[in-house]
Amino acid sequence: MSSGNRKFTREYVIKSSPAILWEMLSTPSGLAEWFANEVDQRGKEFFFTWESEKQSARVIAQEEEHFIRFQWSNAPPDEYFEFRIDITDITNDTVLIITDFANPSEQHDAEMLWDQQVHQLKKRLGVL
């Protein structure tokens, strides 16, 4: 059963090594630097806190230094958000590809939020 949400992706060139970027995407301390105010982990479950809002997500797939896929606890089974690290062939740049789902009427806002989050990530990495 579909929720009516649509999958979308955003790509960002990040002037950082894949190993350092991976730490920022896959560990509670890394995610707390840019994604949420607080992040805790118990097994495959991550607990995110933004001011007064709390949400949990489970890691449903991952490949070290390549991608990590989370599913929010309240999300439909076919929806997730994913951080994927890719290296371009020609320029050898590190690219962060984010996949997420949003209602079509809210997709622009969701994309803008990711842009802000990744801006924060680049700031924390010192690559702005």
C-alpha atoms as a PDB file:
ATOM      1  CA  MET A   1       0.000   0.000   0.000  1.00  0.00           C
ATOM      2  CA  SER A   2       1.509   3.311  -1.061  1.00  0.00           C
ATOM      3  CA  SER A   3       1.344   6.446   1.085  1.00  0.00           C
ATOM      4  CA  GLY A   4       1.315   8.779  -1.914  1.00  0.00           C
ATOM      5  CA  ASN A   5       4.850   9.899  -1.143  1.00  0.00           C
ATOM      6  CA  ARG A   6       7.299  10.125  -4.001  1.00  0.00           C
ATOM      7  CA  LYS A   7      10.966   9.156  -3.989  1.00  0.00           C
ATOM      8  CA  PHE A   8      13.476  11.902  -4.752  1.00  0.00           C
ATOM      9  CA  THR A   9      17.254  12.240  -4.728  1.00  0.00           C
ATOM     10  CA  ARG A  10      19.669  15.105  -4.088  1.00  0.00           C
ATOM     11  CA  GLU A  11      23.365  15.054  -5.034  1.00  0.00           C
ATOM     12  CA  TYR A  12      26.086  17.104  -3.359  1.00  0.00           C
ATOM     13  CA  VAL A  13      29.815  17.259  -4.086  1.00  0.00           C
ATOM     14  CA  ILE A  14      31.614  17.026  -0.734  1.00  0.00           C
ATOM     15  CA  LYS A  15      35.331  17.849  -0.723  1.00  0.00           C
ATOM     16  CA  SER A  16      36.124  15.178   1.856  1.00  0.00           C
ATOM     17  CA  SER A  17      37.483  11.656   1.927  1.00  0.00           C
ATOM     18  CA  PRO A  18      34.827   8.934   1.769  1.00  0.00           C
ATOM     19  CA  ALA A  19      36.069   7.543   5.115  1.00  0.00           C
ATOM     20  CA  ILE A  20      35.562  10.841   6.958  1.00  0.00           C
ATOM     21  CA  LEU A  21      32.208  11.432   5.267  1.00  0.00           C
ATOM     22  CA  TRP A  22      31.121   7.891   6.212  1.00  0.00           C
ATOM     23  CA  GLU A  23      31.746   8.655   9.900  1.00  0.00           C
ATOM     24  CA  MET A  24      29.455  11.706   9.626  1.00  0.00           C
ATOM     25  CA  LEU A  25      26.680   9.618   8.013  1.00  0.00           C
ATOM     26  CA  SER A  26      26.763   6.389   9.982  1.00  0.00           C
ATOM     27  CA  THR A  27      27.706   7.124  13.612  1.00  0.00           C
ATOM     28  CA  PRO A  28      25.685   8.833  16.362  1.00  0.00           C
ATOM     29  CA  SER A  29      28.494  11.334  17.024  1.00  0.00           C
ATOM     30  CA  GLY A  30      28.817  12.157  13.300  1.00  0.00           C
ATOM     31  CA  LEU A  31      25.065  12.532  12.763  1.00  0.00           C
ATOM     32  CA  ALA A  32      24.776  14.738  15.865  1.00  0.00           C
ATOM     33  CA  GLU A  33      27.238  17.151  14.232  1.00  0.00           C
ATOM     34  CA  TRP A  34      24.846  18.078  11.408  1.00  0.00           C
ATOM     35  CA  PHE A  35      21.643  16.027  11.188  1.00  0.00           C
ATOM     36  CA  ALA A  36      20.031  16.229  14.634  1.00  0.00           C
ATOM     37  CA  ASN A  37      20.685  17.843  18.012  1.00  0.00           C
ATOM     38  CA  GLU A  38      21.212  14.460  19.670  1.00  0.00           C
ATOM     39  CA  VAL A  39      21.649  10.966  18.283  1.00  0.00           C
ATOM     40  CA  ASP A  40      21.762   7.711  20.227  1.00  0.00           C
ATOM     41  CA  GLN A  41      22.112   4.193  18.918  1.00  0.00           C
ATOM     42  CA  ARG A  42      21.083   0.807  20.264  1.00  0.00           C
ATOM     43  CA  GLY A  43      21.974  -1.966  17.851  1.00  0.00           C
ATOM     44  CA  LYS A  44      20.491  -1.098  14.452  1.00  0.00           C
ATOM     45  CA  GLU A  45      18.106   1.467  15.984  1.00  0.00           C
ATOM     46  CA  PHE A  46      19.036   5.162  15.923  1.00  0.00           C
ATOM     47  CA  PHE A  47      17.212   7.725  18.073  1.00  0.00           C
ATOM     48  CA  PHE A  48      17.211  11.313  16.746  1.00  0.00           C
ATOM     49  CA  THR A  49      16.260  14.417  18.743  1.00  0.00           C
ATOM     50  CA  TRP A  50      15.572  17.873  17.292  1.00  0.00           C
ATOM     51  CA  GLU A  51      14.694  20.382  20.028  1.00  0.00           C
ATOM     52  CA  SER A  52      11.526  18.735  21.421  1.00  0.00           C
ATOM     53  CA  GLU A  53      10.875  16.246  18.609  1.00  0.00           C
ATOM     54  CA  LYS A  54      12.149  12.673  18.842  1.00  0.00           C
ATOM     55  CA  GLN A  55      12.114  10.029  16.133  1.00  0.00           C
ATOM     56  CA  SER A  56      13.678   6.635  15.706  1.00  0.00           C
ATOM     57  CA  ALA A  57      14.928   4.936  12.572  1.00  0.00           C
ATOM     58  CA  ARG A  58      16.309   1.475  11.956  1.00  0.00           C
ATOM     59  CA  VAL A  59      19.269   0.713   9.686  1.00  0.00           C
ATOM     60  CA  ILE A  60      17.766  -1.619   7.083  1.00  0.00           C
ATOM     61  CA  ALA A  61      20.795  -1.905   4.767  1.00  0.00           C
ATOM     62  CA  GLN A  62      24.361  -0.710   4.629  1.00  0.00           C
ATOM     63  CA  GLU A  63      27.708  -1.254   2.980  1.00  0.00           C
ATOM     64  CA  GLU A  64      30.719   0.205   4.797  1.00  0.00           C
ATOM     65  CA  GLU A  65      31.870   3.541   3.311  1.00  0.00           C
ATOM     66  CA  HIS A  66      29.349   3.170   0.467  1.00  0.00           C
ATOM     67  CA  PHE A  67      25.760   3.588   1.692  1.00  0.00           C
ATOM     68  CA  ILE A  68      23.509   3.441   4.728  1.00  0.00           C
ATOM     69  CA  ARG A  69      19.727   3.163   4.493  1.00  0.00           C
ATOM     70  CA  PHE A  70      17.421   4.065   7.374  1.00  0.00           C
ATOM     71  CA  GLN A  71      13.702   3.544   7.802  1.00  0.00           C
ATOM     72  CA  TRP A  72      11.724   5.788  10.151  1.00  0.00           C
ATOM     73  CA  SER A  73       9.759   3.768  12.709  1.00  0.00           C
ATOM     74  CA  ASN A  74       6.461   5.238  11.443  1.00  0.00           C
ATOM     75  CA  ALA A  75       7.250   4.990   7.703  1.00  0.00           C
ATOM     76  CA  PRO A  76       5.498   2.696   5.224  1.00  0.00           C
ATOM     77  CA  PRO A  77       7.565  -0.459   4.514  1.00  0.00           C
ATOM     78  CA  ASP A  78       8.651   0.752   1.064  1.00  0.00           C
ATOM     79  CA  GLU A  79       9.965   4.159   2.241  1.00  0.00           C
ATOM     80  CA  TYR A  80      13.394   5.000   3.625  1.00  0.00           C
ATOM     81  CA  PHE A  81      16.097   7.609   3.561  1.00  0.00           C
ATOM     82  CA  GLU A  82      19.552   6.767   2.329  1.00  0.00           C
ATOM     83  CA  PHE A  83      23.001   8.324   2.299  1.00  0.00           C
ATOM     84  CA  ARG A  84      25.162   7.016  -0.558  1.00  0.00           C
ATOM     85  CA  ILE A  85      28.801   7.930  -1.185  1.00  0.00           C
ATOM     86  CA  ASP A  86      29.964   7.860  -4.786  1.00  0.00           C
ATOM     87  CA  ILE A  87      33.231   8.868  -6.457  1.00  0.00           C
ATOM     88  CA  THR A  88      32.994  10.510  -9.882  1.00  0.00           C
ATOM     89  CA  ASP A  89      35.056   8.844 -12.599  1.00  0.00           C
ATOM     90  CA  ILE A  90      36.439  11.944 -14.273  1.00  0.00           C
ATOM     91  CA  THR A  91      37.070  14.400 -11.424  1.00  0.00           C
ATOM     92  CA  ASN A  92      37.423  11.849  -8.585  1.00  0.00           C
ATOM     93  CA  ASP A  93      35.116  14.021  -6.456  1.00  0.00           C
ATOM     94  CA  THR A  94      33.268  12.536  -3.497  1.00  0.00           C
ATOM     95  CA  VAL A  95      29.518  12.830  -4.042  1.00  0.00           C
ATOM     96  CA  LEU A  96      26.851  12.405  -1.374  1.00  0.00           C
ATOM     97  CA  ILE A  97      23.582  11.145  -2.831  1.00  0.00           C
ATOM     98  CA  ILE A  98      20.575  11.423  -0.540  1.00  0.00           C
ATOM     99  CA  THR A  99      17.393   9.504  -1.313  1.00  0.00           C
ATOM    100  CA  ASP A 100      14.213  10.334   0.586  1.00  0.00           C
ATOM    101  CA  PHE A 101      10.430  10.266   0.189  1.00  0.00           C
ATOM    102  CA  ALA A 102       7.973  13.163   0.427  1.00  0.00           C
ATOM    103  CA  ASN A 103       4.439  14.051  -0.452  1.00  0.00           C
ATOM    104  CA  PRO A 104       4.585  15.773  -3.870  1.00  0.00           C
ATOM    105  CA  SER A 105       3.155  18.977  -2.353  1.00  0.00           C
ATOM    106  CA  GLU A 106       5.943  18.971   0.285  1.00  0.00           C
ATOM    107  CA  GLN A 107       8.846  17.764  -1.865  1.00  0.00           C
ATOM    108  CA  HIS A 108      10.284  21.240  -2.453  1.00  0.00           C
ATOM    109  CA  ASP A 109      10.371  21.903   1.304  1.00  0.00           C
ATOM    110  CA  ALA A 110      11.978  18.506   1.930  1.00  0.00           C
ATOM    111  CA  GLU A 111      14.649  19.250  -0.696  1.00  0.00           C
ATOM    112  CA  MET A 112      15.330  22.662   0.856  1.00  0.00           C
ATOM    113  CA  LEU A 113      15.673  21.027   4.279  1.00  0.00           C
ATOM    114  CA  TRP A 114      18.247  18.566   2.907  1.00  0.00           C
ATOM    115  CA  ASP A 115      20.118  21.472   1.279  1.00  0.00           C
ATOM    116  CA  GLN A 116      20.280  23.187   4.695  1.00  0.00           C
ATOM    117  CA  GLN A 117      21.341  19.981   6.450  1.00  0.00           C
ATOM    118  CA  VAL A 118      24.113  19.299   3.919  1.00  0.00           C
ATOM    119  CA  HIS A 119      25.268  22.927   4.223  1.00  0.00           C
ATOM    120  CA  GLN A 120      25.648  22.239   7.958  1.00  0.00           C
ATOM    121  CA  LEU A 121      27.518  18.993   7.170  1.00  0.00           C
ATOM    122  CA  LYS A 122      29.958  20.826   4.874  1.00  0.00           C
ATOM    123  CA  LYS A 123      30.476  23.469   7.577  1.00  0.00           C
ATOM    124  CA  ARG A 124      31.275  20.780  10.160  1.00  0.00           C
ATOM    125  CA  LEU A 125      33.688  19.118   7.729  1.00  0.00           C
ATOM    126  CA  GLY A 126      35.347  22.485   7.041  1.00  0.00           C
ATOM    127  CA  VAL A 127      34.749  22.196   3.288  1.00  0.00           C
ATOM    128  CA  LEU A 128      32.632  25.283   2.622  1.00  0.00           C
END
